[in-house]
Amino acid sequence: MQQHTVQTPYIVGEVHFYSAELDGGLVLFDTGPPTPEGEACLQANIDLKRLKYLFITHCHVDHYGLTNYILQHSDAEVFIPRRDSTKFQRHAERMERMGEFLSGYGFGRDFSVQLKESFERNKVFPADPERFRIVEESDEPAELGISYLACPGHSQSDLVYQVGEFAVTGDILLRNIFQAPLLDIDLETFTGRFRNYDAYCTSLLNLAKLGGRRIMPGHRQYVRGVDEAILFYVKTLLERVVQLLPFRGLTIDKIINRLFKGRLTDPFSIYLKVSEIVFMLDFLENPALLKSSLVQIGLFDKVGALYETVA
């Protein structure tokens, strides 16, 4: 498994994608961003004429943005998570429903319009893949010796690919980064909000299965171990909940104003903070869910004192 790194124009900085020779063919995991630098990195490191398969961990722009470029320059088969397929098919409806969520959190119609313009200006949603297949409905991963675990939380489509000793984890396991749990509609039902917190607590049980594998993250050069990454994330969550507690009874727009004193003005940055605060409020509604998962994977004692202070 080879790691390839390219700089992005986004706040995440560098992003990694990976290649491997499997069953005599070249396989790629993620693509990098849809930028000239991204294209140059692909051309320099990947023989696109030999590329047979592309597997996407989750369809955020820095991880799948060059999918159509690859389709135009290779005969590769592209595989994406099922929920991302739904996201492409029902994009307009999804954006409308997200606007409804934001309205319920105290943000007016003008903010939703500004956020949509920010998405378009920053090309958060590049063109849908011209053709793709769905990972969960395909036989090829198993035939290539690739298994996958659904680990939603950062997004609801996050997949971790396991290949031999390696685990390609996208954005679900990062070193010293609190990956924003994004506010979204539930792509399975389209009837309510996706419960990132509930999903993350369930995903912890799957992430614990990666112990002993070599983690290939989407950002930062390495991850020392699964436990370390989980503990950093959980400790950061609990520490930020402490900051949130004095404002718990306010609407989310007022919470953001109190926490950032008007300094946060970019619509996309505000959206990220809304997502994070919703995640934390869900924790406060049901802290026992996180405790149960941490107990099951043997990590609760490492954060027990902080948990008790917050919960």
C-alpha atoms as a PDB file:
ATOM      1  CA  MET A   1       0.000   0.000   0.000  1.00  0.00           C
ATOM      2  CA  GLN A   2       1.470   3.339  -1.090  1.00  0.00           C
ATOM      3  CA  GLN A   3       0.468   6.716   0.340  1.00  0.00           C
ATOM      4  CA  HIS A   4       0.218   9.700  -2.009  1.00  0.00           C
ATOM      5  CA  THR A   5      -0.105  13.228  -0.618  1.00  0.00           C
ATOM      6  CA  VAL A   6      -1.350  16.434  -2.226  1.00  0.00           C
ATOM      7  CA  GLN A   7      -2.066  19.895  -0.857  1.00  0.00           C
ATOM      8  CA  THR A   8      -5.657  21.126  -1.027  1.00  0.00           C
ATOM      9  CA  PRO A   9      -7.124  24.662  -1.011  1.00  0.00           C
ATOM     10  CA  TYR A  10      -9.387  23.674   1.886  1.00  0.00           C
ATOM     11  CA  ILE A  11      -8.967  24.170   5.635  1.00  0.00           C
ATOM     12  CA  VAL A  12      -8.020  20.484   5.994  1.00  0.00           C
ATOM     13  CA  GLY A  13      -4.665  21.096   4.276  1.00  0.00           C
ATOM     14  CA  GLU A  14      -2.956  18.006   2.888  1.00  0.00           C
ATOM     15  CA  VAL A  15      -4.953  14.943   1.928  1.00  0.00           C
ATOM     16  CA  HIS A  16      -3.794  11.395   1.214  1.00  0.00           C
ATOM     17  CA  PHE A  17      -4.962   8.818  -1.276  1.00  0.00           C
ATOM     18  CA  TYR A  18      -3.599   5.294  -1.619  1.00  0.00           C
ATOM     19  CA  SER A  19      -2.710   2.722  -4.257  1.00  0.00           C
ATOM     20  CA  ALA A  20      -2.082  -1.020  -4.122  1.00  0.00           C
ATOM     21  CA  GLU A  21      -1.458  -3.928  -6.464  1.00  0.00           C
ATOM     22  CA  LEU A  22      -4.224  -6.447  -5.819  1.00  0.00           C
ATOM     23  CA  ASP A  23      -4.781  -9.646  -7.776  1.00  0.00           C
ATOM     24  CA  GLY A  24      -2.476  -8.421 -10.510  1.00  0.00           C
ATOM     25  CA  GLY A  25      -4.242  -5.083 -10.952  1.00  0.00           C
ATOM     26  CA  LEU A  26      -3.782  -1.495  -9.793  1.00  0.00           C
ATOM     27  CA  VAL A  27      -6.342  -0.313  -7.234  1.00  0.00           C
ATOM     28  CA  LEU A  28      -6.827   3.231  -5.912  1.00  0.00           C
ATOM     29  CA  PHE A  29      -8.447   4.344  -2.667  1.00  0.00           C
ATOM     30  CA  ASP A  30      -9.747   7.951  -2.893  1.00  0.00           C
ATOM     31  CA  THR A  31      -8.516  10.503  -5.432  1.00  0.00           C
ATOM     32  CA  GLY A  32      -7.432  13.804  -3.919  1.00  0.00           C
ATOM     33  CA  PRO A  33      -9.037  17.186  -4.758  1.00  0.00           C
ATOM     34  CA  PRO A  34     -10.238  18.466  -8.174  1.00  0.00           C
ATOM     35  CA  THR A  35      -7.370  20.930  -8.610  1.00  0.00           C
ATOM     36  CA  PRO A  36      -4.455  21.208 -11.049  1.00  0.00           C
ATOM     37  CA  GLU A  37      -2.175  20.055  -8.208  1.00  0.00           C
ATOM     38  CA  GLY A  38      -4.412  17.054  -7.643  1.00  0.00           C
ATOM     39  CA  GLU A  39      -4.370  16.120 -11.323  1.00  0.00           C
ATOM     40  CA  ALA A  40      -0.583  16.501 -11.474  1.00  0.00           C
ATOM     41  CA  CYS A  41      -0.164  14.304  -8.388  1.00  0.00           C
ATOM     42  CA  LEU A  42      -2.330  11.583  -9.929  1.00  0.00           C
ATOM     43  CA  GLN A  43      -0.445  11.710 -13.216  1.00  0.00           C
ATOM     44  CA  ALA A  44       2.933  11.577 -11.469  1.00  0.00           C
ATOM     45  CA  ASN A  45       2.086   8.682  -9.146  1.00  0.00           C
ATOM     46  CA  ILE A  46      -0.622   6.558 -10.771  1.00  0.00           C
ATOM     47  CA  ASP A  47      -0.464   4.751 -14.129  1.00  0.00           C
ATOM     48  CA  LEU A  48      -4.040   5.522 -15.106  1.00  0.00           C
ATOM     49  CA  LYS A  49      -3.859   3.218 -18.132  1.00  0.00           C
ATOM     50  CA  ARG A  50      -3.350   0.310 -15.732  1.00  0.00           C
ATOM     51  CA  LEU A  51      -5.854   1.431 -13.114  1.00  0.00           C
ATOM     52  CA  LYS A  52      -8.623  -1.161 -12.687  1.00  0.00           C
ATOM     53  CA  TYR A  53     -10.570  -0.061  -9.613  1.00  0.00           C
ATOM     54  CA  LEU A  54     -11.227   3.075  -7.570  1.00  0.00           C
ATOM     55  CA  PHE A  55     -12.790   2.790  -4.101  1.00  0.00           C
ATOM     56  CA  ILE A  56     -14.041   5.930  -2.333  1.00  0.00           C
ATOM     57  CA  THR A  57     -14.148   6.137   1.483  1.00  0.00           C
ATOM     58  CA  HIS A  58     -16.721   8.978   1.443  1.00  0.00           C
ATOM     59  CA  CYS A  59     -17.749  11.521  -1.154  1.00  0.00           C
ATOM     60  CA  HIS A  60     -16.302  14.730   0.245  1.00  0.00           C
ATOM     61  CA  VAL A  61     -14.557  16.869  -2.338  1.00  0.00           C
ATOM     62  CA  ASP A  62     -11.002  16.253  -1.094  1.00  0.00           C
ATOM     63  CA  HIS A  63     -11.515  12.488  -1.248  1.00  0.00           C
ATOM     64  CA  TYR A  64     -13.508  11.911  -4.445  1.00  0.00           C
ATOM     65  CA  GLY A  65     -13.113  15.178  -6.366  1.00  0.00           C
ATOM     66  CA  LEU A  66     -11.010  13.692  -9.179  1.00  0.00           C
ATOM     67  CA  THR A  67     -13.324  10.761  -9.859  1.00  0.00           C
ATOM     68  CA  ASN A  68     -14.517  12.099 -13.215  1.00  0.00           C
ATOM     69  CA  TYR A  69     -10.931  12.960 -14.190  1.00  0.00           C
ATOM     70  CA  ILE A  70     -10.016   9.331 -13.537  1.00  0.00           C
ATOM     71  CA  LEU A  71     -13.044   8.102 -15.502  1.00  0.00           C
ATOM     72  CA  GLN A  72     -11.997  10.284 -18.443  1.00  0.00           C
ATOM     73  CA  HIS A  73      -8.394   9.043 -18.407  1.00  0.00           C
ATOM     74  CA  SER A  74      -8.798   5.378 -17.506  1.00  0.00           C
ATOM     75  CA  ASP A  75     -11.081   2.360 -17.794  1.00  0.00           C
ATOM     76  CA  ALA A  76     -11.302   1.982 -14.026  1.00  0.00           C
ATOM     77  CA  GLU A  77     -14.457   0.804 -12.278  1.00  0.00           C
ATOM     78  CA  VAL A  78     -15.546   3.298  -9.599  1.00  0.00           C
ATOM     79  CA  PHE A  79     -17.151   2.210  -6.329  1.00  0.00           C
ATOM     80  CA  ILE A  80     -18.805   4.612  -3.868  1.00  0.00           C
ATOM     81  CA  PRO A  81     -20.759   4.089  -0.621  1.00  0.00           C
ATOM     82  CA  ARG A  82     -24.509   3.521  -0.996  1.00  0.00           C
ATOM     83  CA  ARG A  83     -25.557   6.608   0.938  1.00  0.00           C
ATOM     84  CA  ASP A  84     -23.400   8.816  -1.261  1.00  0.00           C
ATOM     85  CA  SER A  85     -25.281   7.461  -4.272  1.00  0.00           C
ATOM     86  CA  THR A  86     -28.518   8.647  -2.635  1.00  0.00           C
ATOM     87  CA  LYS A  87     -26.889  12.014  -1.907  1.00  0.00           C
ATOM     88  CA  PHE A  88     -26.143  12.526  -5.598  1.00  0.00           C
ATOM     89  CA  GLN A  89     -29.598  11.451  -6.732  1.00  0.00           C
ATOM     90  CA  ARG A  90     -31.498  13.694  -4.304  1.00  0.00           C
ATOM     91  CA  HIS A  91     -29.125  16.648  -3.980  1.00  0.00           C
ATOM     92  CA  ALA A  92     -31.700  19.445  -4.411  1.00  0.00           C
ATOM     93  CA  GLU A  93     -34.069  17.888  -1.884  1.00  0.00           C
ATOM     94  CA  ARG A  94     -31.189  17.387   0.543  1.00  0.00           C
ATOM     95  CA  MET A  95     -30.184  21.055   0.333  1.00  0.00           C
ATOM     96  CA  GLU A  96     -33.771  22.155   0.915  1.00  0.00           C
ATOM     97  CA  ARG A  97     -34.115  19.973   3.992  1.00  0.00           C
ATOM     98  CA  MET A  98     -30.814  21.201   5.419  1.00  0.00           C
ATOM     99  CA  GLY A  99     -32.166  24.722   5.093  1.00  0.00           C
ATOM    100  CA  GLU A 100     -35.184  23.646   7.146  1.00  0.00           C
ATOM    101  CA  PHE A 101     -32.900  22.264   9.883  1.00  0.00           C
ATOM    102  CA  LEU A 102     -30.925  25.520  10.006  1.00  0.00           C
ATOM    103  CA  SER A 103     -34.152  27.523  10.210  1.00  0.00           C
ATOM    104  CA  GLY A 104     -35.147  25.440  13.229  1.00  0.00           C
ATOM    105  CA  TYR A 105     -31.823  26.319  14.860  1.00  0.00           C
ATOM    106  CA  GLY A 106     -32.452  30.068  14.559  1.00  0.00           C
ATOM    107  CA  PHE A 107     -30.906  30.824  11.159  1.00  0.00           C
ATOM    108  CA  GLY A 108     -33.042  32.696   8.632  1.00  0.00           C
ATOM    109  CA  ARG A 109     -33.617  31.987   4.953  1.00  0.00           C
ATOM    110  CA  ASP A 110     -30.876  34.460   4.039  1.00  0.00           C
ATOM    111  CA  PHE A 111     -28.298  32.332   5.836  1.00  0.00           C
ATOM    112  CA  SER A 112     -29.353  29.200   3.918  1.00  0.00           C
ATOM    113  CA  VAL A 113     -28.978  31.105   0.651  1.00  0.00           C
ATOM    114  CA  GLN A 114     -25.523  32.353   1.687  1.00  0.00           C
ATOM    115  CA  LEU A 115     -24.481  28.838   2.688  1.00  0.00           C
ATOM    116  CA  LYS A 116     -25.579  27.431  -0.663  1.00  0.00           C
ATOM    117  CA  GLU A 117     -23.626  30.180  -2.434  1.00  0.00           C
ATOM    118  CA  SER A 118     -20.601  29.324  -0.280  1.00  0.00           C
ATOM    119  CA  PHE A 119     -20.915  25.658  -1.272  1.00  0.00           C
ATOM    120  CA  GLU A 120     -20.994  26.646  -4.944  1.00  0.00           C
ATOM    121  CA  ARG A 121     -18.226  29.258  -4.686  1.00  0.00           C
ATOM    122  CA  ASN A 122     -15.876  26.841  -2.931  1.00  0.00           C
ATOM    123  CA  LYS A 123     -16.914  23.918  -5.163  1.00  0.00           C
ATOM    124  CA  VAL A 124     -17.816  21.813  -2.143  1.00  0.00           C
ATOM    125  CA  PHE A 125     -19.918  19.609  -4.434  1.00  0.00           C
ATOM    126  CA  PRO A 126     -18.019  18.825  -7.648  1.00  0.00           C
ATOM    127  CA  ALA A 127     -19.834  17.116 -10.508  1.00  0.00           C
ATOM    128  CA  ASP A 128     -21.441  13.770  -9.760  1.00  0.00           C
ATOM    129  CA  PRO A 129     -19.410  10.783 -10.977  1.00  0.00           C
ATOM    130  CA  GLU A 130     -20.270  10.035 -14.607  1.00  0.00           C
ATOM    131  CA  ARG A 131     -20.598   6.372 -13.746  1.00  0.00           C
ATOM    132  CA  PHE A 132     -20.179   4.362 -10.573  1.00  0.00           C
ATOM    133  CA  ARG A 133     -21.168   1.232  -8.734  1.00  0.00           C
ATOM    134  CA  ILE A 134     -22.174   0.843  -5.105  1.00  0.00           C
ATOM    135  CA  VAL A 135     -19.673  -0.817  -2.786  1.00  0.00           C
ATOM    136  CA  GLU A 136     -22.241  -2.551  -0.595  1.00  0.00           C
ATOM    137  CA  GLU A 137     -23.943  -4.116  -3.637  1.00  0.00           C
ATOM    138  CA  SER A 138     -20.811  -5.392  -5.402  1.00  0.00           C
ATOM    139  CA  ASP A 139     -18.794  -8.633  -5.352  1.00  0.00           C
ATOM    140  CA  GLU A 140     -15.498  -7.139  -6.489  1.00  0.00           C
ATOM    141  CA  PRO A 141     -14.227  -6.004  -3.069  1.00  0.00           C
ATOM    142  CA  ALA A 142     -14.325  -9.525  -1.637  1.00  0.00           C
ATOM    143  CA  GLU A 143     -12.832 -10.979  -4.815  1.00  0.00           C
ATOM    144  CA  LEU A 144      -9.908  -8.559  -4.485  1.00  0.00           C
ATOM    145  CA  GLY A 145      -9.396  -9.392  -0.805  1.00  0.00           C
ATOM    146  CA  ILE A 146     -10.909  -6.084   0.342  1.00  0.00           C
ATOM    147  CA  SER A 147     -13.309  -6.010   3.267  1.00  0.00           C
ATOM    148  CA  TYR A 148     -15.029  -2.890   4.545  1.00  0.00           C
ATOM    149  CA  LEU A 149     -16.617  -1.580   7.714  1.00  0.00           C
ATOM    150  CA  ALA A 150     -19.345   1.051   7.829  1.00  0.00           C
ATOM    151  CA  CYS A 151     -18.168   3.668  10.343  1.00  0.00           C
ATOM    152  CA  PRO A 152     -20.441   6.719   9.995  1.00  0.00           C
ATOM    153  CA  GLY A 153     -20.009   9.723  12.247  1.00  0.00           C
ATOM    154  CA  HIS A 154     -17.920  12.233  10.298  1.00  0.00           C
ATOM    155  CA  SER A 155     -20.371  11.700   7.458  1.00  0.00           C
ATOM    156  CA  GLN A 156     -23.068   9.063   7.224  1.00  0.00           C
ATOM    157  CA  SER A 157     -21.382   7.219   4.359  1.00  0.00           C
ATOM    158  CA  ASP A 158     -17.896   6.639   5.850  1.00  0.00           C
ATOM    159  CA  LEU A 159     -16.403   3.282   4.885  1.00  0.00           C
ATOM    160  CA  VAL A 160     -13.110   1.836   6.146  1.00  0.00           C
ATOM    161  CA  TYR A 161     -11.392  -0.490   3.650  1.00  0.00           C
ATOM    162  CA  GLN A 162      -9.283  -3.339   5.022  1.00  0.00           C
ATOM    163  CA  VAL A 163      -6.580  -4.806   2.802  1.00  0.00           C
ATOM    164  CA  GLY A 164      -4.198  -7.257   4.441  1.00  0.00           C
ATOM    165  CA  GLU A 165      -2.499  -5.449   7.328  1.00  0.00           C
ATOM    166  CA  PHE A 166      -3.769  -2.049   6.149  1.00  0.00           C
ATOM    167  CA  ALA A 167      -6.941  -0.085   6.910  1.00  0.00           C
ATOM    168  CA  VAL A 168      -7.777   2.934   4.714  1.00  0.00           C
ATOM    169  CA  THR A 169      -9.872   5.041   7.075  1.00  0.00           C
ATOM    170  CA  GLY A 170     -10.700   8.296   5.258  1.00  0.00           C
ATOM    171  CA  ASP A 171     -11.619  10.909   7.873  1.00  0.00           C
ATOM    172  CA  ILE A 172     -12.902   8.661  10.648  1.00  0.00           C
ATOM    173  CA  LEU A 173      -9.527   8.130  12.398  1.00  0.00           C
ATOM    174  CA  LEU A 174      -7.239  11.152  12.403  1.00  0.00           C
ATOM    175  CA  ARG A 175      -4.305  12.118  14.628  1.00  0.00           C
ATOM    176  CA  ASN A 176      -5.060  15.147  16.796  1.00  0.00           C
ATOM    177  CA  ILE A 177      -7.985  16.297  14.631  1.00  0.00           C
ATOM    178  CA  PHE A 178     -11.603  16.600  15.763  1.00  0.00           C
ATOM    179  CA  GLN A 179     -13.250  15.827  12.437  1.00  0.00           C
ATOM    180  CA  ALA A 180     -16.492  17.801  12.186  1.00  0.00           C
ATOM    181  CA  PRO A 181     -19.610  15.580  12.372  1.00  0.00           C
ATOM    182  CA  LEU A 182     -21.621  17.146   9.550  1.00  0.00           C
ATOM    183  CA  LEU A 183     -25.276  18.158   9.924  1.00  0.00           C
ATOM    184  CA  ASP A 184     -27.325  16.361   7.293  1.00  0.00           C
ATOM    185  CA  ILE A 185     -30.653  14.748   6.505  1.00  0.00           C
ATOM    186  CA  ASP A 186     -30.916  10.983   7.087  1.00  0.00           C
ATOM    187  CA  LEU A 187     -30.160   9.625   3.622  1.00  0.00           C
ATOM    188  CA  GLU A 188     -31.876   6.300   4.361  1.00  0.00           C
ATOM    189  CA  THR A 189     -35.272   7.748   5.196  1.00  0.00           C
ATOM    190  CA  PHE A 190     -35.258  11.435   4.156  1.00  0.00           C
ATOM    191  CA  THR A 191     -37.642  11.985   7.056  1.00  0.00           C
ATOM    192  CA  GLY A 192     -35.380  13.590   9.657  1.00  0.00           C
ATOM    193  CA  ARG A 193     -31.893  14.565  10.725  1.00  0.00           C
ATOM    194  CA  PHE A 194     -29.058  12.061  10.572  1.00  0.00           C
ATOM    195  CA  ARG A 195     -28.035  11.312  14.150  1.00  0.00           C
ATOM    196  CA  ASN A 196     -24.243  11.610  13.895  1.00  0.00           C
ATOM    197  CA  TYR A 197     -23.711  11.078  17.616  1.00  0.00           C
ATOM    198  CA  ASP A 198     -25.691   7.829  17.712  1.00  0.00           C
ATOM    199  CA  ALA A 199     -23.872   6.645  14.589  1.00  0.00           C
ATOM    200  CA  TYR A 200     -20.449   7.493  16.003  1.00  0.00           C
ATOM    201  CA  CYS A 201     -21.131   5.556  19.199  1.00  0.00           C
ATOM    202  CA  THR A 202     -22.001   2.511  17.103  1.00  0.00           C
ATOM    203  CA  SER A 203     -19.000   3.064  14.833  1.00  0.00           C
ATOM    204  CA  LEU A 204     -16.660   2.915  17.839  1.00  0.00           C
ATOM    205  CA  LEU A 205     -17.436  -0.792  18.096  1.00  0.00           C
ATOM    206  CA  ASN A 206     -16.320  -1.285  14.486  1.00  0.00           C
ATOM    207  CA  LEU A 207     -13.275   0.954  14.812  1.00  0.00           C
ATOM    208  CA  ALA A 208     -12.073  -1.142  17.736  1.00  0.00           C
ATOM    209  CA  LYS A 209     -11.865  -4.100  15.330  1.00  0.00           C
ATOM    210  CA  LEU A 210      -9.031  -2.333  13.506  1.00  0.00           C
ATOM    211  CA  GLY A 211      -6.589  -2.864  16.363  1.00  0.00           C
ATOM    212  CA  GLY A 212      -3.336  -4.311  15.025  1.00  0.00           C
ATOM    213  CA  ARG A 213      -3.851  -3.003  11.500  1.00  0.00           C
ATOM    214  CA  ARG A 214      -1.750  -0.247   9.987  1.00  0.00           C
ATOM    215  CA  ILE A 215      -3.981   2.834   9.745  1.00  0.00           C
ATOM    216  CA  MET A 216      -3.830   4.776   6.474  1.00  0.00           C
ATOM    217  CA  PRO A 217      -5.588   8.067   7.332  1.00  0.00           C
ATOM    218  CA  GLY A 218      -7.060  10.711   5.058  1.00  0.00           C
ATOM    219  CA  HIS A 219      -5.025  13.495   6.729  1.00  0.00           C
ATOM    220  CA  ARG A 220      -1.849  13.756   8.803  1.00  0.00           C
ATOM    221  CA  GLN A 221       1.006  11.428   7.974  1.00  0.00           C
ATOM    222  CA  TYR A 222       0.235   8.635  10.387  1.00  0.00           C
ATOM    223  CA  VAL A 223      -1.951   7.390  13.238  1.00  0.00           C
ATOM    224  CA  ARG A 224      -0.111   5.638  16.053  1.00  0.00           C
ATOM    225  CA  GLY A 225      -3.082   3.478  16.958  1.00  0.00           C
ATOM    226  CA  VAL A 226      -6.843   3.187  16.982  1.00  0.00           C
ATOM    227  CA  ASP A 227      -7.136   3.711  20.740  1.00  0.00           C
ATOM    228  CA  GLU A 228      -5.080   6.912  20.666  1.00  0.00           C
ATOM    229  CA  ALA A 229      -7.200   8.417  17.872  1.00  0.00           C
ATOM    230  CA  ILE A 230     -10.474   7.495  19.585  1.00  0.00           C
ATOM    231  CA  LEU A 231      -9.341   8.852  22.950  1.00  0.00           C
ATOM    232  CA  PHE A 232      -8.258  12.164  21.430  1.00  0.00           C
ATOM    233  CA  TYR A 233     -11.640  12.541  19.737  1.00  0.00           C
ATOM    234  CA  VAL A 234     -13.637  11.642  22.829  1.00  0.00           C
ATOM    235  CA  LYS A 235     -11.570  13.848  25.152  1.00  0.00           C
ATOM    236  CA  THR A 236     -11.938  16.769  22.754  1.00  0.00           C
ATOM    237  CA  LEU A 237     -15.692  16.204  22.604  1.00  0.00           C
ATOM    238  CA  LEU A 238     -15.986  16.211  26.400  1.00  0.00           C
ATOM    239  CA  GLU A 239     -13.785  19.286  26.803  1.00  0.00           C
ATOM    240  CA  ARG A 240     -15.860  21.225  24.271  1.00  0.00           C
ATOM    241  CA  VAL A 241     -19.083  20.147  25.962  1.00  0.00           C
ATOM    242  CA  VAL A 242     -17.777  21.819  29.134  1.00  0.00           C
ATOM    243  CA  GLN A 243     -17.532  25.099  27.188  1.00  0.00           C
ATOM    244  CA  LEU A 244     -21.041  24.584  25.829  1.00  0.00           C
ATOM    245  CA  LEU A 245     -22.799  23.825  29.110  1.00  0.00           C
ATOM    246  CA  PRO A 246     -23.424  27.451  30.242  1.00  0.00           C
ATOM    247  CA  PHE A 247     -25.330  28.119  26.993  1.00  0.00           C
ATOM    248  CA  ARG A 248     -27.228  24.838  26.732  1.00  0.00           C
ATOM    249  CA  GLY A 249     -30.702  26.411  26.937  1.00  0.00           C
ATOM    250  CA  LEU A 250     -30.149  28.879  24.067  1.00  0.00           C
ATOM    251  CA  THR A 251     -30.906  28.409  20.393  1.00  0.00           C
ATOM    252  CA  ILE A 252     -27.886  27.338  18.375  1.00  0.00           C
ATOM    253  CA  ASP A 253     -27.488  30.668  16.568  1.00  0.00           C
ATOM    254  CA  LYS A 254     -27.277  32.392  19.964  1.00  0.00           C
ATOM    255  CA  ILE A 255     -24.849  29.747  21.274  1.00  0.00           C
ATOM    256  CA  ILE A 256     -22.514  30.501  18.358  1.00  0.00           C
ATOM    257  CA  ASN A 257     -22.758  34.241  18.992  1.00  0.00           C
ATOM    258  CA  ARG A 258     -21.943  33.750  22.675  1.00  0.00           C
ATOM    259  CA  LEU A 259     -19.060  31.354  22.050  1.00  0.00           C
ATOM    260  CA  PHE A 260     -17.443  33.318  19.214  1.00  0.00           C
ATOM    261  CA  LYS A 261     -18.673  36.855  20.052  1.00  0.00           C
ATOM    262  CA  GLY A 262     -19.514  37.632  16.430  1.00  0.00           C
ATOM    263  CA  ARG A 263     -16.071  36.649  15.092  1.00  0.00           C
ATOM    264  CA  LEU A 264     -17.473  33.754  13.057  1.00  0.00           C
ATOM    265  CA  THR A 265     -18.961  35.183   9.841  1.00  0.00           C
ATOM    266  CA  ASP A 266     -18.210  32.759   6.994  1.00  0.00           C
ATOM    267  CA  PRO A 267     -21.383  30.699   6.290  1.00  0.00           C
ATOM    268  CA  PHE A 268     -19.501  27.433   5.773  1.00  0.00           C
ATOM    269  CA  SER A 269     -17.522  27.855   9.009  1.00  0.00           C
ATOM    270  CA  ILE A 270     -20.772  28.589  10.854  1.00  0.00           C
ATOM    271  CA  TYR A 271     -22.328  25.458   9.328  1.00  0.00           C
ATOM    272  CA  LEU A 272     -19.418  23.374  10.630  1.00  0.00           C
ATOM    273  CA  LYS A 273     -19.882  24.794  14.132  1.00  0.00           C
ATOM    274  CA  VAL A 274     -23.649  24.220  13.993  1.00  0.00           C
ATOM    275  CA  SER A 275     -22.924  20.592  13.113  1.00  0.00           C
ATOM    276  CA  GLU A 276     -20.510  20.254  16.018  1.00  0.00           C
ATOM    277  CA  ILE A 277     -22.896  21.846  18.530  1.00  0.00           C
ATOM    278  CA  VAL A 278     -25.781  19.609  17.434  1.00  0.00           C
ATOM    279  CA  PHE A 279     -23.470  16.617  17.947  1.00  0.00           C
ATOM    280  CA  MET A 280     -22.602  17.792  21.461  1.00  0.00           C
ATOM    281  CA  LEU A 281     -26.226  18.501  22.389  1.00  0.00           C
ATOM    282  CA  ASP A 282     -27.115  14.974  21.281  1.00  0.00           C
ATOM    283  CA  PHE A 283     -24.420  13.716  23.648  1.00  0.00           C
ATOM    284  CA  LEU A 284     -25.914  15.714  26.505  1.00  0.00           C
ATOM    285  CA  GLU A 285     -29.323  14.146  25.799  1.00  0.00           C
ATOM    286  CA  ASN A 286     -27.900  10.629  26.071  1.00  0.00           C
ATOM    287  CA  PRO A 287     -24.344  10.501  27.473  1.00  0.00           C
ATOM    288  CA  ALA A 288     -24.812   6.875  28.515  1.00  0.00           C
ATOM    289  CA  LEU A 289     -24.684   5.836  24.857  1.00  0.00           C
ATOM    290  CA  LEU A 290     -21.069   6.967  24.531  1.00  0.00           C
ATOM    291  CA  LYS A 291     -20.178   5.438  27.888  1.00  0.00           C
ATOM    292  CA  SER A 292     -21.622   2.080  26.833  1.00  0.00           C
ATOM    293  CA  SER A 293     -19.528   2.011  23.646  1.00  0.00           C
ATOM    294  CA  LEU A 294     -16.354   3.035  25.458  1.00  0.00           C
ATOM    295  CA  VAL A 295     -16.930   0.376  28.121  1.00  0.00           C
ATOM    296  CA  GLN A 296     -17.401  -2.285  25.436  1.00  0.00           C
ATOM    297  CA  ILE A 297     -14.103  -1.420  23.736  1.00  0.00           C
ATOM    298  CA  GLY A 298     -12.214  -1.079  27.017  1.00  0.00           C
ATOM    299  CA  LEU A 299     -11.471   2.657  26.900  1.00  0.00           C
ATOM    300  CA  PHE A 300     -13.914   4.191  29.357  1.00  0.00           C
ATOM    301  CA  ASP A 301     -11.477   4.156  32.288  1.00  0.00           C
ATOM    302  CA  LYS A 302      -9.178   6.456  30.277  1.00  0.00           C
ATOM    303  CA  VAL A 303     -11.811   9.205  30.172  1.00  0.00           C
ATOM    304  CA  GLY A 304     -14.047   8.249  33.102  1.00  0.00           C
ATOM    305  CA  ALA A 305     -13.197  11.206  35.336  1.00  0.00           C
ATOM    306  CA  LEU A 306     -13.762  13.759  32.581  1.00  0.00           C
ATOM    307  CA  TYR A 307     -16.970  12.007  31.519  1.00  0.00           C
ATOM    308  CA  GLU A 308     -18.383  12.114  35.036  1.00  0.00           C
ATOM    309  CA  THR A 309     -17.596  15.822  35.300  1.00  0.00           C
ATOM    310  CA  VAL A 310     -19.510  16.549  32.104  1.00  0.00           C
ATOM    311  CA  ALA A 311     -22.338  14.007  32.205  1.00  0.00           C
END
